[in-house]
Amino acid sequence: MARLHLHLVSDSTGETLESIVKAGLGRFEGADTIKHFWPMVRSEGHLDRVVEEIAKRPGLVLYTLINGAVRDRLELRCDQLALPAVSVLDPIIGALSNFLGRSAVTRPGRQHVMDAAYFERVDAINFTMVHDDGAGSEDWEEADIVLAGVSRSSKTPTSIYLANRGYKTANIPLVPESPPPPSLFRLKHPLVVGLTNSPERLIAIRRNRLLSLGQVADTAYVDTTNVAAEVAFARRLFADHDIPVIDVTRRSIEETAAAIINLVQARAEGGTDVGGAK
């Protein structure tokens, strides 16, 4: 298969395009592609310079451009070069426009505007960073979500991902020798969620972690019996306190976060049974 050049042309940061392309490429295992990013393209002169570079490495052009003149010029130039050009958001915007009964806002980078939601997200990220690994337990009531789980059960990366979605997230490691503070089980505002992993998977992750740190990968931290006991301890704790559990063994961070957000939304909508997530 020949290598495919993907040219991502945007009048904003290009994050939307990158996410869409990443999702699309995920459906084509082993595809040999090179992505070229062309952000902040807002004038015809800038576009002409970009097209000159695209012509040197012809391929598929994907774009999100609002300015009509710039869009038309890109399509014309791509047609002259016999290159396919796709406006990836047009079907979505068209459907939303029909459903909502009004036209879309024609302002580049509208999704990145520094409005109240933006500052709430920044606040969530700051909160999450200072409430990692059991820190700041006196502030947990201010959180939206508190994650609990044994070491290396993806608590921190999941917390950060959730923070970027606007959720204040704290997390706490569960250690049989040092039970969590009783306040964890008295929280009212945040949803406490348990993360679990298979002992085999945990051992593999922990072993790789030790090796990356140059440490001996033959300690109680990766002992089969000890790890199984840790997982069993955490599961008993979750069951005893009716904490919903998500098994992250075969889940990506994004999938785990999506499951947690579903639990949060179900709770907000009045759902009484948010436990037992798998």
Protein backbone atom coordinates (compact mmCIF):
# COMPACT_ATOMS: atom_id res chain seq x y z
CA MET A 1 0.00 0.00 0.00
CA ALA A 2 1.35 3.43 -1.01
CA ARG A 3 1.90 6.02 1.67
CA LEU A 4 -0.96 8.52 1.95
CA HIS A 5 -0.36 12.17 2.66
CA LEU A 6 -3.16 13.75 4.70
CA HIS A 7 -3.33 17.54 4.63
CA LEU A 8 -5.36 19.05 7.47
CA VAL A 9 -6.28 22.65 6.69
CA SER A 10 -8.01 24.69 9.39
CA ASP A 11 -8.81 28.31 10.15
CA SER A 12 -8.36 27.53 13.85
CA THR A 13 -6.00 25.27 15.85
CA GLY A 14 -6.80 22.10 13.89
CA GLU A 15 -7.65 20.10 16.99
CA THR A 16 -11.08 19.15 15.63
CA LEU A 17 -9.60 17.92 12.38
CA GLU A 18 -6.93 15.94 14.19
CA SER A 19 -9.51 14.20 16.37
CA ILE A 20 -11.70 13.31 13.39
CA VAL A 21 -8.77 11.97 11.40
CA LYS A 22 -7.53 9.97 14.37
CA ALA A 23 -10.96 8.37 14.73
CA GLY A 24 -11.14 7.66 11.01
CA LEU A 25 -7.68 6.14 10.78
CA GLY A 26 -8.55 3.88 13.68
CA ARG A 27 -10.79 2.00 11.27
CA PHE A 28 -7.87 1.20 8.95
CA GLU A 29 -5.31 -0.89 10.78
CA GLY A 30 -1.78 -0.51 9.52
CA ALA A 31 -2.56 2.39 7.17
CA ASP A 32 0.67 4.14 6.15
CA THR A 33 -0.08 7.85 6.46
CA ILE A 34 1.74 11.12 7.00
CA LYS A 35 -0.29 13.99 8.46
CA HIS A 36 0.53 17.57 7.52
CA PHE A 37 -1.06 20.28 9.69
CA TRP A 38 -1.94 23.70 8.28
CA PRO A 39 -3.64 25.68 11.09
CA MET A 40 -4.86 29.30 11.25
CA VAL A 41 -5.44 29.60 7.49
CA ARG A 42 -7.71 32.66 7.29
CA SER A 43 -6.70 34.49 4.10
CA GLU A 44 -6.43 33.59 0.44
CA GLY A 45 -2.76 34.59 0.43
CA HIS A 46 -1.99 32.23 3.29
CA LEU A 47 -4.00 29.51 1.57
CA ASP A 48 -2.01 29.90 -1.66
CA ARG A 49 1.23 29.31 0.25
CA VAL A 50 -0.28 26.22 1.89
CA VAL A 51 -1.47 24.84 -1.46
CA GLU A 52 2.03 25.24 -2.88
CA GLU A 53 3.27 22.95 -0.10
CA ILE A 54 0.38 20.52 -0.60
CA ALA A 55 1.26 20.26 -4.30
CA LYS A 56 4.75 19.03 -3.36
CA ARG A 57 3.24 16.12 -1.41
CA PRO A 58 -0.15 15.48 -3.03
CA GLY A 59 -2.75 13.56 -1.10
CA LEU A 60 -6.14 13.84 0.58
CA VAL A 61 -7.08 17.34 1.77
CA LEU A 62 -9.40 17.61 4.77
CA TYR A 63 -10.47 21.03 5.92
CA THR A 64 -12.54 23.10 8.33
CA LEU A 65 -12.79 26.61 6.87
CA ILE A 66 -15.55 29.12 7.55
CA ASN A 67 -14.59 31.98 5.24
CA GLY A 68 -16.44 31.40 1.97
CA ALA A 69 -13.78 32.92 -0.26
CA VAL A 70 -11.00 30.85 1.33
CA ARG A 71 -13.10 27.68 1.07
CA ASP A 72 -13.90 28.33 -2.58
CA ARG A 73 -10.28 29.00 -3.40
CA LEU A 74 -9.11 25.80 -1.67
CA GLU A 75 -11.67 23.75 -3.58
CA LEU A 76 -10.68 25.41 -6.86
CA ARG A 77 -6.96 24.85 -6.32
CA CYS A 78 -7.49 21.24 -5.25
CA ASP A 79 -9.62 20.68 -8.35
CA GLN A 80 -6.83 22.10 -10.50
CA LEU A 81 -4.38 19.70 -8.82
CA ALA A 82 -6.83 16.78 -9.14
CA LEU A 83 -6.78 16.32 -5.36
CA PRO A 84 -9.84 15.33 -3.33
CA ALA A 85 -10.89 17.93 -0.75
CA VAL A 86 -13.40 17.20 1.99
CA SER A 87 -15.05 19.68 4.37
CA VAL A 88 -15.41 17.31 7.30
CA LEU A 89 -17.89 19.31 9.39
CA ASP A 90 -20.38 20.23 6.64
CA PRO A 91 -22.70 17.21 7.13
CA ILE A 92 -22.83 17.76 10.89
CA ILE A 93 -23.36 21.51 10.67
CA GLY A 94 -26.00 21.04 7.97
CA ALA A 95 -27.92 18.53 10.07
CA LEU A 96 -27.73 20.73 13.17
CA SER A 97 -28.83 23.78 11.19
CA ASN A 98 -31.88 21.94 9.88
CA PHE A 99 -32.76 20.60 13.31
CA LEU A 100 -32.25 23.88 15.17
CA GLY A 101 -33.80 26.01 12.45
CA ARG A 102 -30.97 28.53 12.26
CA SER A 103 -27.59 29.11 10.63
CA ALA A 104 -24.27 28.35 12.31
CA VAL A 105 -22.05 31.10 13.70
CA THR A 106 -19.44 32.04 11.11
CA ARG A 107 -16.52 32.72 13.41
CA PRO A 108 -13.26 30.69 13.25
CA GLY A 109 -12.22 29.01 16.49
CA ARG A 110 -15.61 29.56 18.15
CA GLN A 111 -15.12 26.34 20.16
CA HIS A 112 -11.98 27.83 21.73
CA VAL A 113 -13.52 31.07 22.95
CA MET A 114 -12.58 31.99 26.52
CA ASP A 115 -16.08 31.98 27.95
CA ALA A 116 -17.32 30.77 31.34
CA ALA A 117 -17.07 27.15 30.25
CA TYR A 118 -13.42 27.64 29.30
CA PHE A 119 -12.51 29.00 32.73
CA GLU A 120 -14.52 26.24 34.43
CA ARG A 121 -12.42 23.71 32.52
CA VAL A 122 -9.20 25.43 33.60
CA ASP A 123 -10.46 25.40 37.18
CA ALA A 124 -11.23 21.68 36.88
CA ILE A 125 -7.72 20.97 35.61
CA ASN A 126 -6.13 22.94 38.45
CA PHE A 127 -8.28 21.16 41.03
CA THR A 128 -7.45 17.76 39.58
CA MET A 129 -3.70 18.37 39.51
CA VAL A 130 -3.57 19.24 43.22
CA HIS A 131 -5.88 16.38 44.27
CA ASP A 132 -3.93 13.54 42.71
CA ASP A 133 -2.96 10.36 44.56
CA GLY A 134 -4.98 11.03 47.70
CA ALA A 135 -3.88 14.64 48.21
CA GLY A 136 -6.22 17.29 49.55
CA SER A 137 -8.82 14.94 50.99
CA GLU A 138 -10.31 17.82 52.96
CA ASP A 139 -11.50 19.31 49.64
CA TRP A 140 -13.00 16.17 48.11
CA GLU A 141 -16.54 17.40 48.68
CA GLU A 142 -15.83 20.10 46.08
CA ALA A 143 -15.01 17.48 43.44
CA ASP A 144 -17.41 16.24 40.79
CA ILE A 145 -15.80 12.80 40.71
CA VAL A 146 -13.52 10.87 43.04
CA LEU A 147 -11.74 7.84 41.58
CA ALA A 148 -10.48 5.04 43.80
CA GLY A 149 -8.38 2.05 42.83
CA VAL A 150 -5.18 0.12 43.45
CA SER A 151 -1.87 1.33 42.11
CA ARG A 152 -1.60 1.51 38.28
CA SER A 153 -5.34 1.24 37.65
CA SER A 154 -5.29 4.37 35.42
CA LYS A 155 -6.57 6.76 38.07
CA THR A 156 -4.33 9.72 37.25
CA PRO A 157 -4.60 9.71 33.43
CA THR A 158 -8.34 9.18 33.66
CA SER A 159 -8.60 12.06 36.15
CA ILE A 160 -6.71 14.38 33.82
CA TYR A 161 -8.86 13.37 30.85
CA LEU A 162 -12.02 14.04 32.87
CA ALA A 163 -10.62 17.40 33.99
CA ASN A 164 -10.17 18.37 30.37
CA ARG A 165 -13.85 17.60 29.93
CA GLY A 166 -14.62 20.01 32.76
CA TYR A 167 -15.00 17.63 35.70
CA LYS A 168 -13.17 18.36 38.94
CA THR A 169 -11.65 14.97 39.70
CA ALA A 170 -9.75 13.68 42.71
CA ASN A 171 -8.27 10.21 43.04
CA ILE A 172 -7.04 8.01 45.84
CA PRO A 173 -4.92 4.83 45.80
CA LEU A 174 -6.29 1.84 47.68
CA VAL A 175 -3.74 -0.01 49.78
CA PRO A 176 -4.80 -2.89 52.08
CA GLU A 177 -2.28 -1.83 54.73
CA SER A 178 -3.59 1.76 54.74
CA PRO A 179 -7.38 1.95 54.31
CA PRO A 180 -8.84 5.16 52.86
CA PRO A 181 -10.13 7.87 55.22
CA PRO A 182 -13.73 7.39 56.38
CA SER A 183 -14.60 10.74 54.78
CA LEU A 184 -14.42 9.02 51.37
CA PHE A 185 -17.62 7.16 52.15
CA ARG A 186 -19.47 10.21 53.49
CA LEU A 187 -19.11 12.36 50.36
CA LYS A 188 -22.37 13.81 49.06
CA HIS A 189 -21.59 15.96 46.01
CA PRO A 190 -18.97 13.94 44.09
CA LEU A 191 -19.67 10.57 42.53
CA VAL A 192 -17.17 8.04 43.88
CA VAL A 193 -16.18 5.50 41.23
CA GLY A 194 -14.00 2.44 41.68
CA LEU A 195 -11.50 1.42 39.02
CA THR A 196 -10.31 -2.16 38.88
CA ASN A 197 -8.01 -4.19 36.68
CA SER A 198 -7.16 -7.84 36.30
CA PRO A 199 -4.20 -8.97 38.45
CA GLU A 200 -2.38 -10.21 35.34
CA ARG A 201 -2.69 -6.88 33.60
CA LEU A 202 -1.68 -4.97 36.73
CA ILE A 203 1.43 -7.09 37.16
CA ALA A 204 2.47 -6.46 33.55
CA ILE A 205 1.95 -2.69 33.90
CA ARG A 206 3.74 -2.52 37.24
CA ARG A 207 6.65 -4.61 36.00
CA ASN A 208 7.13 -2.33 33.01
CA ARG A 209 6.95 0.68 35.31
CA LEU A 210 9.68 -0.68 37.58
CA LEU A 211 11.91 -1.52 34.63
CA SER A 212 11.45 1.97 33.16
CA LEU A 213 12.64 3.38 36.49
CA GLY A 214 15.65 1.07 36.52
CA GLN A 215 14.38 -0.84 39.55
CA VAL A 216 14.27 -4.56 40.23
CA ALA A 217 11.03 -5.99 38.85
CA ASP A 218 10.80 -8.75 41.44
CA THR A 219 9.17 -7.31 44.56
CA ALA A 220 5.90 -7.62 46.48
CA TYR A 221 4.59 -4.88 44.20
CA VAL A 222 4.41 -7.40 41.35
CA ASP A 223 3.94 -10.58 43.35
CA THR A 224 0.98 -12.56 42.02
CA THR A 225 -0.51 -13.34 45.43
CA ASN A 226 -0.10 -9.80 46.73
CA VAL A 227 -1.59 -8.18 43.65
CA ALA A 228 -4.56 -10.53 43.65
CA ALA A 229 -5.13 -9.67 47.32
CA GLU A 230 -5.03 -5.94 46.52
CA VAL A 231 -7.62 -6.33 43.78
CA ALA A 232 -9.85 -8.44 46.05
CA PHE A 233 -9.53 -5.85 48.84
CA ALA A 234 -10.59 -3.05 46.52
CA ARG A 235 -13.54 -5.00 45.14
CA ARG A 236 -14.78 -5.82 48.66
CA LEU A 237 -14.51 -2.17 49.62
CA PHE A 238 -16.49 -1.10 46.54
CA ALA A 239 -19.17 -3.69 47.23
CA ASP A 240 -19.43 -2.82 50.93
CA HIS A 241 -20.00 0.86 50.17
CA ASP A 242 -22.11 0.44 47.00
CA ILE A 243 -19.51 2.17 44.84
CA PRO A 244 -19.94 1.68 41.07
CA VAL A 245 -17.03 -0.19 39.54
CA ILE A 246 -15.45 0.08 36.11
CA ASP A 247 -13.07 -2.63 34.93
CA VAL A 248 -10.32 -0.89 32.94
CA THR A 249 -8.55 -4.08 31.87
CA ARG A 250 -9.61 -3.80 28.23
CA ARG A 251 -10.60 -0.14 28.18
CA SER A 252 -8.68 2.85 26.89
CA ILE A 253 -8.55 6.01 29.00
CA GLU A 254 -11.16 7.57 26.72
CA GLU A 255 -13.49 4.58 27.08
CA THR A 256 -13.11 4.57 30.86
CA ALA A 257 -13.82 8.30 31.04
CA ALA A 258 -16.89 7.91 28.81
CA ALA A 259 -18.27 5.23 31.13
CA ILE A 260 -17.68 7.48 34.15
CA ILE A 261 -19.37 10.44 32.47
CA ASN A 262 -22.36 8.21 31.70
CA LEU A 263 -22.61 7.40 35.41
CA VAL A 264 -22.40 11.08 36.34
CA GLN A 265 -25.10 12.01 33.84
CA ALA A 266 -27.36 9.16 34.96
CA ARG A 267 -27.04 10.37 38.52
CA ALA A 268 -27.76 13.99 37.52
CA GLU A 269 -30.85 12.89 35.60
CA GLY A 270 -32.21 11.20 38.68
CA GLY A 271 -31.08 7.65 38.04
CA THR A 272 -30.88 5.79 41.29
CA ASP A 273 -28.91 2.79 40.10
CA VAL A 274 -25.44 3.83 38.99
CA GLY A 275 -23.65 0.90 40.56
CA GLY A 276 -22.24 -2.17 38.96
CA ALA A 277 -20.66 -0.62 35.85
CA LYS A 278 -18.42 -3.08 34.06
